[in-house]
Amino acid sequence: MKNTKRALRRAHEERKKAAAKKRLRQWNPWATKAPVEPDARRIGMHAATPAACSCFMCTEWRKYDRSAARREERRERDLDC
């Protein structure tokens, strides 16, 4: 039987990159008239993680708001007992 893991992984990557390219082409706040074609590096980055950057507004908010994380930890601790 042929191992298709590599083919499947590449197909998923190609599908994710096509979707990322479509999203990047649709969403461009700096476009004046025509959509700008995104470069390959930007497409790959957006396919891997849709976050635009690593600021507190784009990433996981629990990373910066420790009070919410503490509440969740306390809730989990209370449920375990």
N, C-alpha and C. Protein backbone atom coordinates (compact mmCIF):
# COMPACT_ATOMS: atom_id res chain seq x y z
N MET A 1 0.84 -1.18 0.00
CA MET A 1 0.00 0.00 0.00
C MET A 1 0.88 1.25 0.00
N LYS A 2 0.51 2.19 -0.80
CA LYS A 2 1.30 3.40 -0.93
C LYS A 2 1.00 4.38 0.21
N ASN A 3 2.05 4.98 0.72
CA ASN A 3 1.90 5.95 1.79
C ASN A 3 1.55 7.31 1.19
N THR A 4 0.40 7.86 1.58
CA THR A 4 -0.07 9.12 0.97
C THR A 4 -0.02 10.28 1.96
N LYS A 5 0.73 10.13 3.05
CA LYS A 5 0.81 11.21 4.02
C LYS A 5 1.37 12.48 3.40
N ARG A 6 2.44 12.34 2.65
CA ARG A 6 3.08 13.51 2.05
C ARG A 6 2.14 14.19 1.07
N ALA A 7 1.48 13.40 0.25
CA ALA A 7 0.55 13.96 -0.73
C ALA A 7 -0.62 14.66 -0.04
N LEU A 8 -1.12 14.05 1.01
CA LEU A 8 -2.22 14.65 1.75
C LEU A 8 -1.80 15.96 2.42
N ARG A 9 -0.62 15.94 3.04
CA ARG A 9 -0.10 17.15 3.68
C ARG A 9 0.09 18.28 2.67
N ARG A 10 0.62 17.95 1.51
CA ARG A 10 0.81 18.97 0.47
C ARG A 10 -0.51 19.48 -0.07
N ALA A 11 -1.48 18.60 -0.20
CA ALA A 11 -2.80 19.02 -0.67
C ALA A 11 -3.46 19.96 0.32
N HIS A 12 -3.34 19.65 1.62
CA HIS A 12 -3.90 20.53 2.64
C HIS A 12 -3.19 21.89 2.63
N GLU A 13 -1.87 21.86 2.49
CA GLU A 13 -1.11 23.11 2.46
C GLU A 13 -1.51 23.95 1.25
N GLU A 14 -1.68 23.32 0.11
CA GLU A 14 -2.09 24.03 -1.10
C GLU A 14 -3.48 24.64 -0.94
N ARG A 15 -4.40 23.87 -0.32
CA ARG A 15 -5.76 24.36 -0.08
C ARG A 15 -5.75 25.56 0.88
N LYS A 16 -4.95 25.45 1.95
CA LYS A 16 -4.87 26.54 2.93
C LYS A 16 -4.26 27.79 2.30
N LYS A 17 -3.26 27.61 1.46
CA LYS A 17 -2.63 28.77 0.80
C LYS A 17 -3.57 29.42 -0.19
N ALA A 18 -4.38 28.63 -0.89
CA ALA A 18 -5.35 29.20 -1.83
C ALA A 18 -6.39 30.02 -1.07
N ALA A 19 -6.85 29.51 0.06
CA ALA A 19 -7.82 30.25 0.87
C ALA A 19 -7.20 31.51 1.44
N ALA A 20 -5.95 31.43 1.88
CA ALA A 20 -5.27 32.60 2.43
C ALA A 20 -5.08 33.66 1.34
N LYS A 21 -4.73 33.22 0.14
CA LYS A 21 -4.55 34.16 -0.97
C LYS A 21 -5.86 34.87 -1.29
N LYS A 22 -6.96 34.10 -1.26
CA LYS A 22 -8.27 34.68 -1.53
C LYS A 22 -8.64 35.71 -0.46
N ARG A 23 -8.40 35.36 0.83
CA ARG A 23 -8.71 36.30 1.92
C ARG A 23 -7.86 37.55 1.84
N LEU A 24 -6.56 37.38 1.55
CA LEU A 24 -5.67 38.54 1.47
C LEU A 24 -6.03 39.44 0.30
N ARG A 25 -6.50 38.85 -0.78
CA ARG A 25 -6.88 39.64 -1.94
C ARG A 25 -8.17 40.43 -1.67
N GLN A 26 -9.08 39.81 -0.90
CA GLN A 26 -10.34 40.47 -0.59
C GLN A 26 -10.16 41.57 0.44
N TRP A 27 -9.34 41.31 1.46
CA TRP A 27 -9.16 42.27 2.54
C TRP A 27 -7.85 43.02 2.36
N ASN A 28 -7.94 44.24 1.89
CA ASN A 28 -6.77 45.09 1.76
C ASN A 28 -7.22 46.52 2.02
N PRO A 29 -7.08 47.01 3.24
CA PRO A 29 -7.58 48.34 3.55
C PRO A 29 -6.83 49.45 2.82
N TRP A 30 -5.65 49.16 2.32
CA TRP A 30 -4.87 50.20 1.65
C TRP A 30 -5.11 50.23 0.15
N ALA A 31 -5.92 49.33 -0.35
CA ALA A 31 -6.19 49.30 -1.79
C ALA A 31 -7.04 50.51 -2.17
N THR A 32 -6.63 51.20 -3.21
CA THR A 32 -7.40 52.36 -3.64
C THR A 32 -8.39 51.98 -4.73
N LYS A 33 -7.92 51.27 -5.75
CA LYS A 33 -8.81 50.91 -6.87
C LYS A 33 -8.89 49.40 -7.05
N ALA A 34 -7.77 48.80 -7.37
CA ALA A 34 -7.77 47.37 -7.66
C ALA A 34 -7.11 46.62 -6.51
N PRO A 35 -7.54 45.37 -6.24
CA PRO A 35 -6.89 44.59 -5.18
C PRO A 35 -5.43 44.31 -5.54
N VAL A 36 -4.59 44.36 -4.54
CA VAL A 36 -3.16 44.11 -4.74
C VAL A 36 -2.91 42.61 -4.58
N GLU A 37 -2.12 42.06 -5.49
CA GLU A 37 -1.79 40.64 -5.43
C GLU A 37 -0.77 40.42 -4.31
N PRO A 38 -1.09 39.60 -3.30
CA PRO A 38 -0.16 39.38 -2.20
C PRO A 38 1.04 38.54 -2.63
N ASP A 39 2.19 38.75 -1.99
CA ASP A 39 3.39 38.00 -2.34
C ASP A 39 3.36 36.63 -1.66
N ALA A 40 4.23 35.75 -2.10
CA ALA A 40 4.24 34.36 -1.64
C ALA A 40 4.54 34.26 -0.14
N ARG A 41 5.41 35.11 0.36
CA ARG A 41 5.76 35.08 1.78
C ARG A 41 4.56 35.42 2.64
N ARG A 42 3.83 36.44 2.27
CA ARG A 42 2.65 36.86 3.02
C ARG A 42 1.56 35.79 2.98
N ILE A 43 1.40 35.14 1.84
CA ILE A 43 0.42 34.07 1.70
C ILE A 43 0.77 32.92 2.62
N GLY A 44 2.05 32.52 2.65
CA GLY A 44 2.49 31.43 3.51
C GLY A 44 2.30 31.75 4.98
N MET A 45 2.61 32.98 5.37
CA MET A 45 2.44 33.38 6.77
C MET A 45 0.96 33.37 7.16
N HIS A 46 0.11 33.85 6.28
CA HIS A 46 -1.32 33.91 6.58
C HIS A 46 -1.94 32.52 6.58
N ALA A 47 -1.40 31.61 5.77
CA ALA A 47 -1.92 30.24 5.77
C ALA A 47 -1.53 29.51 7.05
N ALA A 48 -0.34 29.80 7.57
CA ALA A 48 0.12 29.15 8.79
C ALA A 48 -0.62 29.69 10.01
N THR A 49 -0.77 30.99 10.09
CA THR A 49 -1.49 31.60 11.20
C THR A 49 -2.19 32.86 10.69
N PRO A 50 -3.50 32.95 10.85
CA PRO A 50 -4.22 34.11 10.31
C PRO A 50 -3.98 35.41 11.06
N ALA A 51 -3.28 35.37 12.19
CA ALA A 51 -3.02 36.60 12.94
C ALA A 51 -2.10 37.50 12.13
N ALA A 52 -2.44 38.76 12.07
CA ALA A 52 -1.65 39.70 11.27
C ALA A 52 -0.30 39.98 11.91
N CYS A 53 -0.27 40.05 13.24
CA CYS A 53 0.98 40.32 13.94
C CYS A 53 0.90 39.70 15.32
N SER A 54 1.80 40.07 16.20
CA SER A 54 1.80 39.48 17.54
C SER A 54 1.42 40.50 18.61
N CYS A 55 0.69 41.52 18.24
CA CYS A 55 0.28 42.50 19.23
C CYS A 55 -0.87 41.94 20.07
N PHE A 56 -1.26 42.65 21.12
CA PHE A 56 -2.29 42.15 22.01
C PHE A 56 -3.67 42.12 21.36
N MET A 57 -3.86 42.84 20.26
CA MET A 57 -5.15 42.84 19.59
C MET A 57 -5.29 41.69 18.60
N CYS A 58 -4.18 41.20 18.07
CA CYS A 58 -4.23 40.15 17.05
C CYS A 58 -4.01 38.75 17.61
N THR A 59 -3.32 38.63 18.71
CA THR A 59 -3.02 37.30 19.25
C THR A 59 -4.04 36.90 20.30
N GLU A 60 -3.75 35.85 20.99
CA GLU A 60 -4.63 35.35 22.04
C GLU A 60 -4.67 36.36 23.19
N TRP A 61 -5.85 36.83 23.52
CA TRP A 61 -5.97 37.89 24.53
C TRP A 61 -5.64 37.40 25.92
N ARG A 62 -5.74 36.10 26.17
CA ARG A 62 -5.42 35.58 27.50
C ARG A 62 -3.93 35.73 27.81
N LYS A 63 -3.13 35.85 26.78
CA LYS A 63 -1.70 36.02 26.98
C LYS A 63 -1.41 37.34 27.70
N TYR A 64 -2.22 38.34 27.47
CA TYR A 64 -1.99 39.66 28.05
C TYR A 64 -2.93 39.95 29.21
N ASP A 65 -4.10 39.34 29.24
CA ASP A 65 -5.07 39.58 30.30
C ASP A 65 -5.03 38.41 31.27
N ARG A 66 -4.14 38.47 32.25
CA ARG A 66 -3.95 37.36 33.17
C ARG A 66 -5.15 37.16 34.09
N SER A 67 -5.98 38.18 34.29
CA SER A 67 -7.12 38.02 35.18
C SER A 67 -8.10 36.98 34.64
N ALA A 68 -8.33 36.99 33.35
CA ALA A 68 -9.23 36.00 32.75
C ALA A 68 -8.62 34.61 32.86
N ALA A 69 -7.33 34.49 32.66
CA ALA A 69 -6.68 33.19 32.75
C ALA A 69 -6.74 32.68 34.18
N ARG A 70 -6.58 33.56 35.15
CA ARG A 70 -6.66 33.14 36.55
C ARG A 70 -8.06 32.64 36.89
N ARG A 71 -9.07 33.33 36.36
CA ARG A 71 -10.44 32.88 36.60
C ARG A 71 -10.66 31.48 36.04
N GLU A 72 -10.14 31.23 34.84
CA GLU A 72 -10.30 29.91 34.22
C GLU A 72 -9.55 28.85 35.02
N GLU A 73 -8.35 29.18 35.48
CA GLU A 73 -7.59 28.22 36.28
C GLU A 73 -8.32 27.91 37.58
N ARG A 74 -8.88 28.93 38.22
CA ARG A 74 -9.61 28.74 39.45
C ARG A 74 -10.84 27.86 39.21
N ARG A 75 -11.54 28.10 38.11
CA ARG A 75 -12.72 27.31 37.78
C ARG A 75 -12.35 25.84 37.55
N GLU A 76 -11.26 25.61 36.84
CA GLU A 76 -10.81 24.24 36.60
C GLU A 76 -10.41 23.57 37.91
N ARG A 77 -9.73 24.32 38.77
CA ARG A 77 -9.28 23.77 40.05
C ARG A 77 -10.49 23.40 40.91
N ASP A 78 -11.52 24.26 40.90
CA ASP A 78 -12.72 23.99 41.69
C ASP A 78 -13.49 22.79 41.16
N LEU A 79 -13.47 22.59 39.84
CA LEU A 79 -14.19 21.46 39.26
C LEU A 79 -13.49 20.14 39.52
N ASP A 80 -12.16 20.18 39.69
CA ASP A 80 -11.41 18.95 39.94
C ASP A 80 -11.67 18.38 41.32
N CYS A 81 -11.97 19.21 42.28
CA CYS A 81 -12.17 18.75 43.67
C CYS A 81 -13.46 18.02 43.86
